[in-house]
Amino acid sequence: MSAAGVTRARVARLGSRGEGVIESAEGPIYAAYALPGELVDVQGEGERAALIEVIEASRHRVAPICPLFEACGGCAVQHLAAQPYAAWKRGLVVAALTQAGLGSSTEMEALVAPLVDAHGAGRRRATIHARASGRGEGVRIIAGFMRARSHEVIDGAACPILAPGLERAFDVARAIARVLAPLGKPLDVQATATENGLDIDVRGAGALADELRREMIALAERLDLARLTHHGVIVAERRPPTLAMGAARVIPRGGSFLQATQAGEEALATLILDAVGGAKRVADLFCGCGAFALRLAQRAEIVAADSQPEAIAALERATRQPGLRRIRAETRDLFRRPLRAEELNGLDAVVFDPPRAGASAQAAQISASDVPLVVGVSCHPGSFARDATILREGGYALTRVTPVDQFRHSAHVELVGVFAKAKPARRKRGLLSR
């Protein structure tokens, strides 16, 4: 330890959040923006330390693509070269599966495929935080992302990881914040790039008086927005904000869940379609507005379920388009009321894509079923590993895992895992047999 509490140390590895990990006698120290092998000066107490200076840089250190990197909290790893970055993200999946006891590290290394880069044109959705301070002509508006580990908003004008369709999003957020400045509330402006322009959902404003609502309608016209919603409720819809999902066109509810990038959605769907092969009867659980169901329905009959009625309504509207086989869609809370084993029996495959918490209740029912093939999609390797353990107890073998990176420069990684029933039972009648 030197003066002013600065420690010089060698970084051992990259942690699960993208921080450099320094091994010390008191335990690991995590220093954001430090890379493995580097000699660094860090400062701080406890397990978190600030990177003060890089004394010996890694040969894998590269220049960040954004001038706000290390200030903005949106990205964790812009400073690492592509090959070691891909190895680190894949390693997050290998480590999660190994720690869950699904196999040895050697077995998991053999099971997990190389990372699929699914950044594509960039993120098609962003939530921009907008703040107004002051009154009247002196009001000051800022719009951007939050500083790392802080609620402070960093004023921004652009973001290099966003899709081109979002290039106006920061200006739109500022304009909305200016109109709603009299409310004095912090706003979250969610912008989605659609085929027909920007789809904007505003949250945090509270109830809108008639005058403010009229101003918002006029603003949507002036900014040429496809749609403007307030907590998902339409304020102005000038054009339908459609998204392509396979051969279908979907109009999701404002602010509803979407895969982060178009390329990511397509990569995940391709992996699912390859896995289910010629399956004729498939369940898509936690289906959202149909990113996978609508593609699967081009060649199979589908049972689709999700807890959000607006998502199911959007899916049902999309099913009216030609070229799709039957989709039986249902609003159902799969955490409290999962599809039972007897409802799943007789299906050729089940696809499930739960939120980060995983789907332990639904996994238990799948585990007890006679479905021969299961495909799990997850944005959290840890919860996926827990669900995989449940499936294994029911006789399913994890045969393949593919990590997918649609959150470039972050510590988040998606994956698709394929399970096969080790000893398929005699097929029974299920939902699509009725």
Protein backbone atom coordinates (compact mmCIF):
# COMPACT_ATOMS: atom_id res chain seq x y z
CA MET A 1 0.00 0.00 0.00
CA SER A 2 1.41 3.39 -1.00
CA ALA A 3 0.46 6.94 -0.14
CA ALA A 4 -3.15 8.07 -0.53
CA GLY A 5 -4.36 4.47 -0.39
CA VAL A 6 -3.18 3.53 -3.90
CA THR A 7 -2.34 -0.12 -4.52
CA ARG A 8 -0.26 -1.43 -7.41
CA ALA A 9 -1.23 -4.93 -8.46
CA ARG A 10 -1.49 -7.37 -11.36
CA VAL A 11 -4.97 -8.17 -12.72
CA ALA A 12 -5.68 -11.91 -12.67
CA ARG A 13 -8.81 -12.24 -14.80
CA LEU A 14 -11.99 -10.58 -16.06
CA GLY A 15 -14.97 -10.91 -13.72
CA SER A 16 -18.57 -11.72 -14.59
CA ARG A 17 -19.48 -8.02 -14.76
CA GLY A 18 -16.52 -7.13 -16.94
CA GLU A 19 -14.28 -5.83 -14.13
CA GLY A 20 -10.64 -6.71 -13.68
CA VAL A 21 -10.20 -9.06 -10.72
CA ILE A 22 -7.16 -8.65 -8.48
CA GLU A 23 -6.40 -11.44 -6.02
CA SER A 24 -5.36 -10.18 -2.59
CA ALA A 25 -4.80 -11.71 0.82
CA GLU A 26 -8.15 -10.27 1.93
CA GLY A 27 -9.99 -11.63 -1.09
CA PRO A 28 -10.73 -10.50 -4.65
CA ILE A 29 -10.73 -6.80 -5.55
CA TYR A 30 -12.83 -5.69 -8.51
CA ALA A 31 -11.58 -2.79 -10.62
CA ALA A 32 -13.74 -1.70 -13.53
CA TYR A 33 -11.99 -1.12 -16.88
CA ALA A 34 -8.84 -3.07 -15.91
CA LEU A 35 -7.89 -6.06 -18.08
CA PRO A 36 -6.26 -9.43 -17.30
CA GLY A 37 -2.47 -9.33 -17.16
CA GLU A 38 -2.28 -5.57 -16.66
CA LEU A 39 -0.24 -3.93 -13.92
CA VAL A 40 -2.46 -1.23 -12.48
CA ASP A 41 -2.78 1.30 -9.72
CA VAL A 42 -6.15 1.12 -7.98
CA GLN A 43 -7.65 2.97 -5.05
CA GLY A 44 -10.45 2.05 -2.68
CA GLU A 45 -11.50 0.05 0.33
CA GLY A 46 -13.16 -3.33 0.43
CA GLU A 47 -13.78 -5.40 -2.68
CA ARG A 48 -14.40 -2.46 -5.04
CA ALA A 49 -11.60 -0.22 -6.27
CA ALA A 50 -11.25 2.56 -8.83
CA LEU A 51 -8.72 2.22 -11.61
CA ILE A 52 -6.24 5.08 -11.21
CA GLU A 53 -3.64 4.23 -13.86
CA VAL A 54 -2.60 1.39 -16.15
CA ILE A 55 1.14 0.92 -15.69
CA GLU A 56 1.53 -2.02 -18.08
CA ALA A 57 -1.30 -2.37 -20.60
CA SER A 58 -2.59 -5.66 -21.98
CA ARG A 59 -1.88 -6.35 -25.65
CA HIS A 60 -5.64 -6.92 -25.94
CA ARG A 61 -6.51 -3.37 -24.84
CA VAL A 62 -8.14 -1.36 -27.64
CA ALA A 63 -9.49 2.19 -27.93
CA PRO A 64 -13.15 2.50 -26.84
CA ILE A 65 -15.63 3.40 -29.58
CA CYS A 66 -17.51 5.94 -27.44
CA PRO A 67 -16.14 9.11 -25.78
CA LEU A 68 -18.47 8.53 -22.82
CA PHE A 69 -17.12 5.06 -22.03
CA GLU A 70 -16.16 4.78 -18.32
CA ALA A 71 -18.61 7.59 -17.54
CA CYS A 72 -21.82 6.12 -18.98
CA GLY A 73 -22.98 2.97 -17.23
CA GLY A 74 -24.36 1.33 -20.36
CA CYS A 75 -21.18 -0.47 -21.49
CA ALA A 76 -18.67 -2.43 -19.41
CA VAL A 77 -16.19 -3.79 -21.95
CA GLN A 78 -15.45 -1.52 -24.91
CA HIS A 79 -11.70 -1.67 -24.29
CA LEU A 80 -11.14 -5.38 -24.99
CA ALA A 81 -10.25 -6.80 -28.42
CA ALA A 82 -12.85 -8.92 -30.22
CA GLN A 83 -11.32 -12.39 -29.80
CA PRO A 84 -10.69 -12.31 -26.03
CA TYR A 85 -14.03 -10.54 -25.59
CA ALA A 86 -15.85 -13.41 -27.33
CA ALA A 87 -13.92 -15.95 -25.26
CA TRP A 88 -14.86 -14.13 -22.04
CA LYS A 89 -18.58 -14.06 -22.90
CA ARG A 90 -18.60 -17.71 -23.86
CA GLY A 91 -16.75 -18.42 -20.62
CA LEU A 92 -19.58 -16.86 -18.61
CA VAL A 93 -21.88 -19.58 -19.93
CA VAL A 94 -19.36 -22.38 -19.37
CA ALA A 95 -18.79 -21.20 -15.78
CA ALA A 96 -22.53 -20.99 -14.97
CA LEU A 97 -23.22 -24.50 -16.23
CA THR A 98 -20.17 -25.92 -14.45
CA GLN A 99 -21.02 -24.22 -11.14
CA ALA A 100 -24.54 -25.66 -11.33
CA GLY A 101 -23.09 -29.16 -11.48
CA LEU A 102 -24.28 -29.94 -15.00
CA GLY A 103 -20.85 -31.33 -15.82
CA SER A 104 -17.14 -30.77 -15.42
CA SER A 105 -15.49 -27.71 -16.92
CA THR A 106 -14.02 -29.97 -19.60
CA GLU A 107 -17.45 -31.36 -20.45
CA MET A 108 -19.00 -27.89 -20.57
CA GLU A 109 -16.18 -26.59 -22.74
CA ALA A 110 -17.02 -29.32 -25.23
CA LEU A 111 -20.77 -28.69 -25.00
CA VAL A 112 -20.85 -24.89 -25.44
CA ALA A 113 -20.53 -23.63 -29.01
CA PRO A 114 -18.59 -20.49 -30.00
CA LEU A 115 -20.26 -17.15 -29.30
CA VAL A 116 -22.64 -15.94 -32.02
CA ASP A 117 -22.22 -12.21 -32.72
CA ALA A 118 -25.78 -10.86 -33.04
CA HIS A 119 -25.20 -7.13 -32.68
CA GLY A 120 -26.17 -6.53 -36.31
CA ALA A 121 -27.11 -2.91 -36.99
CA GLY A 122 -27.25 -2.24 -33.25
CA ARG A 123 -29.80 -2.03 -30.47
CA ARG A 124 -33.24 -1.23 -31.83
CA ARG A 125 -34.54 -0.04 -28.46
CA ALA A 126 -33.16 2.31 -25.83
CA THR A 127 -34.52 3.85 -22.64
CA ILE A 128 -33.32 7.44 -22.38
CA HIS A 129 -33.62 9.25 -19.07
CA ALA A 130 -34.80 12.85 -19.49
CA ARG A 131 -34.68 15.52 -16.81
CA ALA A 132 -35.90 19.14 -16.72
CA SER A 133 -34.68 21.71 -14.20
CA GLY A 134 -35.54 25.39 -13.83
CA ARG A 135 -38.66 27.18 -14.97
CA GLY A 136 -39.97 29.07 -17.96
CA GLU A 137 -37.45 30.21 -20.56
CA GLY A 138 -34.62 29.19 -18.24
CA VAL A 139 -35.56 25.51 -18.10
CA ARG A 140 -32.60 23.19 -18.70
CA ILE A 141 -33.16 19.81 -20.34
CA ILE A 142 -30.78 16.86 -20.28
CA ALA A 143 -31.32 13.43 -21.83
CA GLY A 144 -29.06 10.41 -21.80
CA PHE A 145 -28.02 7.31 -19.92
CA MET A 146 -27.04 7.04 -16.26
CA ARG A 147 -23.52 7.20 -14.95
CA ALA A 148 -22.14 3.85 -13.83
CA ARG A 149 -23.45 2.89 -10.35
CA SER A 150 -25.28 6.20 -10.06
CA HIS A 151 -28.62 7.88 -10.71
CA GLU A 152 -26.90 10.83 -12.35
CA VAL A 153 -27.92 11.29 -15.99
CA ILE A 154 -25.12 12.02 -18.45
CA ASP A 155 -26.32 14.34 -21.20
CA GLY A 156 -25.82 12.65 -24.57
CA ALA A 157 -26.39 13.25 -28.25
CA ALA A 158 -25.72 9.83 -29.76
CA CYS A 159 -24.76 6.26 -28.88
CA PRO A 160 -22.60 4.11 -31.20
CA ILE A 161 -24.27 0.83 -30.22
CA LEU A 162 -27.77 1.94 -31.27
CA ALA A 163 -29.35 1.09 -34.62
CA PRO A 164 -29.52 3.90 -37.19
CA GLY A 165 -33.29 4.17 -36.67
CA LEU A 166 -32.66 5.57 -33.18
CA GLU A 167 -30.39 8.43 -34.24
CA ARG A 168 -33.09 11.00 -33.35
CA ALA A 169 -33.99 9.40 -30.02
CA PHE A 170 -32.06 11.81 -27.76
CA ASP A 171 -33.56 14.88 -29.45
CA VAL A 172 -37.03 13.35 -29.20
CA ALA A 173 -36.52 12.67 -25.48
CA ARG A 174 -35.47 16.28 -24.93
CA ALA A 175 -38.49 17.60 -26.78
CA ILE A 176 -40.82 15.44 -24.68
CA ALA A 177 -39.09 16.53 -21.46
CA ARG A 178 -39.54 20.18 -22.45
CA VAL A 179 -43.29 19.75 -23.00
CA LEU A 180 -43.67 17.86 -19.70
CA ALA A 181 -41.28 20.10 -17.72
CA PRO A 182 -44.15 21.71 -15.73
CA LEU A 183 -44.75 18.32 -14.08
CA GLY A 184 -41.27 18.39 -12.54
CA LYS A 185 -40.87 14.62 -12.81
CA PRO A 186 -38.00 12.44 -14.00
CA LEU A 187 -38.95 10.74 -17.26
CA ASP A 188 -37.98 7.50 -18.94
CA VAL A 189 -38.42 7.72 -22.70
CA GLN A 190 -38.29 4.34 -24.40
CA ALA A 191 -37.57 4.61 -28.11
CA THR A 192 -37.97 1.68 -30.52
CA ALA A 193 -36.91 1.70 -34.16
CA THR A 194 -39.70 0.15 -36.25
CA GLU A 195 -40.37 -0.28 -39.95
CA ASN A 196 -42.50 2.89 -39.96
CA GLY A 197 -40.39 5.12 -37.74
CA LEU A 198 -39.93 5.78 -34.04
CA ASP A 199 -42.26 4.20 -31.49
CA ILE A 200 -42.00 6.20 -28.25
CA ASP A 201 -43.31 5.20 -24.82
CA VAL A 202 -43.08 7.75 -21.98
CA ARG A 203 -43.01 6.68 -18.35
CA GLY A 204 -42.79 8.58 -15.07
CA ALA A 205 -45.00 11.54 -15.97
CA GLY A 206 -48.07 10.47 -14.03
CA ALA A 207 -51.54 11.46 -15.22
CA LEU A 208 -51.59 13.87 -18.16
CA ALA A 209 -54.03 16.79 -18.10
CA ASP A 210 -55.97 17.42 -21.30
CA GLU A 211 -53.80 20.39 -22.28
CA LEU A 212 -50.57 18.41 -21.91
CA ARG A 213 -52.07 15.51 -23.85
CA ARG A 214 -52.93 17.87 -26.70
CA GLU A 215 -49.38 19.22 -26.65
CA MET A 216 -48.03 15.68 -26.79
CA ILE A 217 -50.25 14.87 -29.79
CA ALA A 218 -48.98 17.99 -31.56
CA LEU A 219 -45.41 17.02 -30.66
CA ALA A 220 -45.85 13.56 -32.20
CA GLU A 221 -46.95 15.27 -35.41
CA ARG A 222 -44.07 17.75 -35.36
CA LEU A 223 -41.46 15.05 -34.68
CA ASP A 224 -43.00 12.65 -37.23
CA LEU A 225 -43.32 9.80 -34.73
CA ALA A 226 -44.99 6.58 -35.80
CA ARG A 227 -46.61 6.23 -32.38
CA LEU A 228 -46.47 7.95 -29.00
CA THR A 229 -47.70 6.13 -25.91
CA HIS A 230 -47.82 6.94 -22.21
CA HIS A 231 -47.24 3.87 -20.04
CA GLY A 232 -48.28 1.78 -23.05
CA VAL A 233 -51.53 3.71 -23.64
CA ILE A 234 -51.77 5.36 -27.04
CA VAL A 235 -51.54 9.17 -27.11
CA ALA A 236 -51.04 9.43 -30.88
CA GLU A 237 -50.63 6.79 -33.58
CA ARG A 238 -49.82 8.25 -36.97
CA ARG A 239 -48.57 5.05 -38.58
CA PRO A 240 -48.60 1.45 -37.29
CA PRO A 241 -45.17 0.75 -35.72
CA THR A 242 -44.69 -2.65 -37.32
CA LEU A 243 -41.89 -5.15 -36.78
CA ALA A 244 -41.11 -8.10 -39.04
CA MET A 245 -41.19 -11.46 -37.27
CA GLY A 246 -40.54 -14.05 -39.94
CA ALA A 247 -43.14 -13.62 -42.67
CA ALA A 248 -45.53 -11.81 -40.30
CA ARG A 249 -45.83 -8.18 -39.26
CA VAL A 250 -46.47 -7.42 -35.58
CA ILE A 251 -47.57 -4.24 -33.83
CA PRO A 252 -46.47 -4.66 -30.19
CA ARG A 253 -47.93 -2.64 -27.36
CA GLY A 254 -45.85 0.44 -26.54
CA GLY A 255 -43.01 -0.48 -24.21
CA SER A 256 -43.58 -4.25 -24.41
CA PHE A 257 -40.70 -6.74 -24.45
CA LEU A 258 -38.61 -7.18 -27.60
CA GLN A 259 -35.28 -8.83 -28.30
CA ALA A 260 -32.59 -6.14 -28.12
CA THR A 261 -31.47 -6.35 -31.75
CA GLN A 262 -33.13 -7.53 -34.94
CA ALA A 263 -30.06 -9.67 -35.63
CA GLY A 264 -30.33 -11.17 -32.15
CA GLU A 265 -33.96 -12.13 -32.63
CA GLU A 266 -33.13 -13.73 -35.98
CA ALA A 267 -30.12 -15.60 -34.55
CA LEU A 268 -32.14 -17.00 -31.65
CA ALA A 269 -35.01 -17.96 -33.97
CA THR A 270 -32.63 -19.71 -36.37
CA LEU A 271 -31.15 -21.77 -33.55
CA ILE A 272 -34.65 -22.71 -32.35
CA LEU A 273 -35.85 -23.66 -35.84
CA ASP A 274 -32.74 -25.76 -36.43
CA ALA A 275 -33.24 -27.53 -33.09
CA VAL A 276 -36.93 -28.41 -33.53
CA GLY A 277 -36.37 -29.58 -37.11
CA GLY A 278 -39.50 -31.19 -38.50
CA ALA A 279 -41.56 -30.99 -35.31
CA LYS A 280 -45.24 -30.53 -36.18
CA ARG A 281 -46.67 -29.62 -32.76
CA VAL A 282 -44.71 -27.10 -30.71
CA ALA A 283 -45.33 -25.04 -27.56
CA ASP A 284 -43.78 -21.56 -27.28
CA LEU A 285 -43.89 -20.58 -23.61
CA PHE A 286 -43.21 -17.01 -22.42
CA CYS A 287 -43.86 -16.23 -26.08
CA GLY A 288 -44.19 -12.44 -25.89
CA CYS A 289 -45.72 -11.04 -29.06
CA GLY A 290 -44.55 -13.97 -31.16
CA ALA A 291 -40.92 -13.56 -32.23
CA PHE A 292 -40.48 -17.34 -32.25
CA ALA A 293 -44.10 -18.57 -32.50
CA LEU A 294 -44.74 -16.73 -35.75
CA ARG A 295 -41.63 -18.20 -37.35
CA LEU A 296 -42.37 -21.69 -36.04
CA ALA A 297 -45.95 -21.43 -37.33
CA GLN A 298 -44.70 -21.36 -40.89
CA ARG A 299 -44.19 -25.12 -40.54
CA ALA A 300 -45.81 -26.31 -37.29
CA GLU A 301 -48.95 -25.95 -35.18
CA ILE A 302 -48.25 -23.85 -32.11
CA VAL A 303 -49.43 -23.54 -28.52
CA ALA A 304 -48.31 -20.10 -27.30
CA ALA A 305 -48.62 -18.69 -23.78
CA ASP A 306 -47.52 -15.53 -21.98
CA SER A 307 -48.65 -13.60 -18.92
CA GLN A 308 -49.07 -10.29 -20.77
CA PRO A 309 -52.51 -9.98 -22.41
CA GLU A 310 -51.29 -7.15 -24.67
CA ALA A 311 -48.53 -9.40 -26.04
CA ILE A 312 -51.01 -12.21 -26.72
CA ALA A 313 -53.37 -9.74 -28.41
CA ALA A 314 -50.55 -8.56 -30.70
CA LEU A 315 -49.69 -12.17 -31.51
CA GLU A 316 -53.30 -13.03 -32.28
CA ARG A 317 -53.60 -10.07 -34.64
CA ALA A 318 -50.48 -11.23 -36.46
CA THR A 319 -51.80 -14.79 -36.82
CA ARG A 320 -54.49 -13.53 -39.20
CA GLN A 321 -51.86 -13.08 -41.89
CA PRO A 322 -51.63 -15.78 -44.59
CA GLY A 323 -49.04 -18.55 -44.66
CA LEU A 324 -49.23 -19.52 -40.99
CA ARG A 325 -50.48 -22.72 -39.44
CA ARG A 326 -52.75 -22.76 -36.39
CA ILE A 327 -51.54 -20.85 -33.33
CA ARG A 328 -53.48 -21.42 -30.12
CA ALA A 329 -52.52 -18.40 -27.98
CA GLU A 330 -53.38 -18.02 -24.31
CA THR A 331 -52.81 -15.40 -21.63
CA ARG A 332 -51.44 -17.40 -18.72
CA ASP A 333 -49.14 -16.73 -15.77
CA LEU A 334 -46.63 -19.52 -16.28
CA PHE A 335 -44.99 -18.86 -12.91
CA ARG A 336 -48.18 -19.50 -10.94
CA ARG A 337 -50.03 -21.66 -13.44
CA PRO A 338 -47.54 -23.40 -15.71
CA LEU A 339 -48.74 -25.66 -18.48
CA ARG A 340 -49.12 -29.04 -16.82
CA ALA A 341 -47.33 -32.16 -17.98
CA GLU A 342 -50.59 -33.67 -19.21
CA GLU A 343 -51.23 -30.57 -21.34
CA LEU A 344 -47.74 -30.81 -22.85
CA ASN A 345 -47.90 -34.53 -23.55
CA GLY A 346 -48.15 -35.32 -27.22
CA LEU A 347 -46.22 -32.23 -28.34
CA ASP A 348 -43.12 -32.77 -30.45
CA ALA A 349 -41.17 -29.91 -28.88
CA VAL A 350 -41.36 -27.17 -26.25
CA VAL A 351 -39.60 -23.81 -26.50
CA PHE A 352 -39.40 -21.62 -23.40
CA ASP A 353 -37.88 -18.14 -23.05
CA PRO A 354 -38.54 -16.85 -19.53
CA PRO A 355 -37.45 -13.58 -17.89
CA ARG A 356 -34.12 -13.43 -16.02
CA ALA A 357 -35.58 -15.22 -13.00
CA GLY A 358 -35.96 -18.42 -15.00
CA ALA A 359 -38.91 -20.79 -15.10
CA SER A 360 -38.54 -23.37 -12.34
CA ALA A 361 -42.28 -24.13 -12.02
CA GLN A 362 -42.70 -24.57 -15.77
CA ALA A 363 -39.46 -26.55 -16.03
CA ALA A 364 -40.79 -28.99 -13.43
CA GLN A 365 -43.90 -29.63 -15.52
CA ILE A 366 -41.87 -30.05 -18.69
CA SER A 367 -39.62 -32.43 -16.80
CA ALA A 368 -42.62 -34.62 -15.93
CA SER A 369 -43.94 -34.65 -19.50
CA ASP A 370 -43.26 -36.97 -22.43
CA VAL A 371 -42.10 -34.19 -24.78
CA PRO A 372 -39.02 -35.56 -26.59
CA LEU A 373 -37.32 -32.22 -27.35
CA VAL A 374 -37.00 -29.01 -25.31
CA VAL A 375 -35.31 -25.75 -26.31
CA GLY A 376 -34.52 -23.24 -23.58
CA VAL A 377 -33.71 -19.60 -24.38
CA SER A 378 -32.30 -17.43 -21.63
CA CYS A 379 -30.74 -14.03 -20.96
CA HIS A 380 -29.27 -15.29 -17.66
CA PRO A 381 -26.93 -18.32 -17.68
CA GLY A 382 -27.40 -18.83 -13.93
CA SER A 383 -31.19 -19.19 -14.02
CA PHE A 384 -30.91 -21.29 -17.19
CA ALA A 385 -28.58 -23.64 -15.32
CA ARG A 386 -31.16 -24.01 -12.52
CA ASP A 387 -33.88 -24.84 -15.03
CA ALA A 388 -31.54 -27.26 -16.80
CA THR A 389 -30.94 -29.06 -13.52
CA ILE A 390 -34.70 -29.54 -13.09
CA LEU A 391 -35.01 -30.90 -16.62
CA ARG A 392 -32.11 -33.27 -16.06
CA GLU A 393 -33.88 -34.72 -13.03
CA GLY A 394 -36.78 -35.56 -15.35
CA GLY A 395 -34.56 -37.48 -17.76
CA TYR A 396 -33.55 -34.71 -20.18
CA ALA A 397 -29.98 -34.50 -21.42
CA LEU A 398 -28.50 -31.12 -22.36
CA THR A 399 -27.06 -31.78 -25.81
CA ARG A 400 -26.04 -28.35 -27.08
CA VAL A 401 -25.67 -24.76 -25.82
CA THR A 402 -25.05 -21.76 -28.06
CA PRO A 403 -24.26 -18.35 -26.53
CA VAL A 404 -25.61 -15.36 -28.46
CA ASP A 405 -24.30 -11.80 -28.04
CA GLN A 406 -26.89 -9.13 -28.81
CA PHE A 407 -25.71 -6.95 -25.90
CA ARG A 408 -22.28 -6.05 -27.25
CA HIS A 409 -19.88 -4.40 -24.78
CA SER A 410 -22.02 -5.44 -21.79
CA ALA A 411 -21.80 -8.35 -19.37
CA HIS A 412 -25.12 -9.78 -20.58
CA VAL A 413 -25.20 -12.89 -22.75
CA GLU A 414 -28.12 -14.84 -24.21
CA LEU A 415 -28.07 -18.56 -24.90
CA VAL A 416 -30.06 -21.33 -26.53
CA GLY A 417 -29.89 -24.79 -24.95
CA VAL A 418 -31.24 -27.97 -26.52
CA PHE A 419 -32.48 -30.90 -24.40
CA ALA A 420 -33.45 -34.41 -25.47
CA LYS A 421 -35.49 -36.86 -23.39
CA ALA A 422 -33.14 -39.73 -22.58
CA LYS A 423 -35.90 -42.36 -22.56
CA PRO A 424 -39.05 -40.99 -24.22
CA ALA A 425 -42.23 -42.37 -22.68
CA ARG A 426 -45.22 -43.54 -24.70
CA ARG A 427 -46.74 -40.43 -26.30
CA LYS A 428 -49.98 -39.20 -24.74
CA ARG A 429 -52.63 -36.78 -25.88
CA GLY A 430 -52.01 -33.09 -25.21
CA LEU A 431 -53.37 -29.64 -26.04
CA LEU A 432 -52.97 -29.87 -29.82
CA SER A 433 -54.46 -33.38 -29.90
CA ARG A 434 -57.89 -32.15 -28.85
